[in-house]
Amino acid sequence: MLHLDTGNTAFMLLCASLVMLMTPGLAFFYGGLVGRKNVLAIMMQSFVSMGWTTVLWWAFGFSLCFSGDQKSGTDFYGIIGNLHWAGLRGITLTTPSPNDTIPMLVFCAYQMMFAIITPALITGAFTNRITFKAYMLFLTAWLVLVYFPFVHMVWGGGLLAEWGVKDFAGGIVVHNIAGIAALASILYVGKRKVLDRGPHSIPLVALGTGLLWFGWYGFNAGSEFRVDGTTAVAFINTDLAASFAAISWLCVDWMVGKKPKFLGLLTGAVAGLATITPAAGYVSPVTAVIIGLTAGIVCYYACALKNKLGWDDALDVWGVHGVGGFLGIVMLGVFASTAWNPAANGGVNGLIAGDSSFFLKQLAAGLFSSAWAFVFTYGMLWIIDRITVVRVEDAHEELGLDEAIHGETAYVEVDVAVVRPVQPL
């Protein structure tokens, strides 16, 4: 039965709006990082997810994620739900959500925003190399075969939830699987033949970072699904981790490159946000500081390792989201404490608080999700390549995907007339 709480409901509608804003923020973030010839192509890959993922979510995605559970045997072996709520069938104004103080429709809308941004994260890895037709098939297949199963397994009462795995706002469900999918993608697609000369607009990257950081409060604090003390902890932990990661990345980058780079500060903030996500509502603010500092350093060197290995992860999706997400999952297993999220509310104790089994579960879940995301992503790209070519033609890569595929350009070239001074008579 729904016990409507107008405060909780209003809060969750606001959080859903904040998470929705993150996808345009991601589009600006990625759009600034690529060259001028590929701005619209990378931004469109984010924006089209807002439309197409919503269609799939309404048709069957929400139902596959949240209908049925392993305990009652009403799902498919704890891996995926059923079609009981396909097309939102049977959900009314008074249908309660897992938190019975907000309507199911609000819960559905909030979770939909997560589904929209997660596959869009992957696009930063294979930028400038994928045809739009192949991307649409990839977007569909990846949601069905990777994202929807992990939502159900972790948040929908499935296999990992029954096992005791915790993920407050998406370290496994969002960042780890997206980052590992990015790695599989670039290994399948291969390197760019035409490299960008660097970010064409760092101000656009800064705008995107600001929108992501702002929206992340809804991403993490909203994952409590009510307004209470844990909501406040998740909110402050989000900001602390982002801030300390931004500064630690900046400092390491400064020491290595001898100059304080604005881009390093921005990238570090996103790394901290990704890393705190699974732990935000389960750890103390002091732990959030530790997680942020660690994220900035570890993710920086992960990106450096990627460059050394020659992986063409164009926008460091694996190094920031894959490594950051996995790091957050494991650090949750170390630092979780019921002092900051009571057991009655779903909180747990980690390794330091005396529960080594929880740490091992988190580690195993991180490895399991990484293997699943890699194998399914690589396999689906191979299959898609048999349906329609995945990689763009060399000539299109040279011209730029904005013009070659979409027939548009982000910037209009203007010929500036040379004004000569008037000679005195």
Foldseek 3Di string as FASTA:
>chain_A
DAPADPQLQVLLLVLLVLLLLLLLLVLLQLLQWFAQQASVVLSVLLVVLVPPLVVVLQQALVQQQAADAVVVPQQDQQQTHDRPCGNHPPADPCDADVPRRYGVVSVSSSVSSLLSVQLSLLCLQQGLWFAPVLSVLLSVLCSVQFQRRVSRNAVRNGVLVVVQAFFQQDLLNGQQLSLLLSLLVLVQRDAAPDGGPTRPHVVSSVSSLVSNLRSLLSRRLCSLSGDDQLSVQLNLLLVLLLQLQLVLQQVVCCVVVVDRDPVSSSLSSLLSNLQCRRPRSFAGSVLSNVLSNVSNVQLNVLVVVCVVVPRRRPRSSNSRRNVSSLNSLLVSQAGGDCVRPPVVSVGDGHVVSPDPVNNVSSNVSSVVSSVSSSVSSNVVSVVSCVVPNTTDDSVCSVSHVCCPRVNDGPDDDDDDDDDDDDDDD
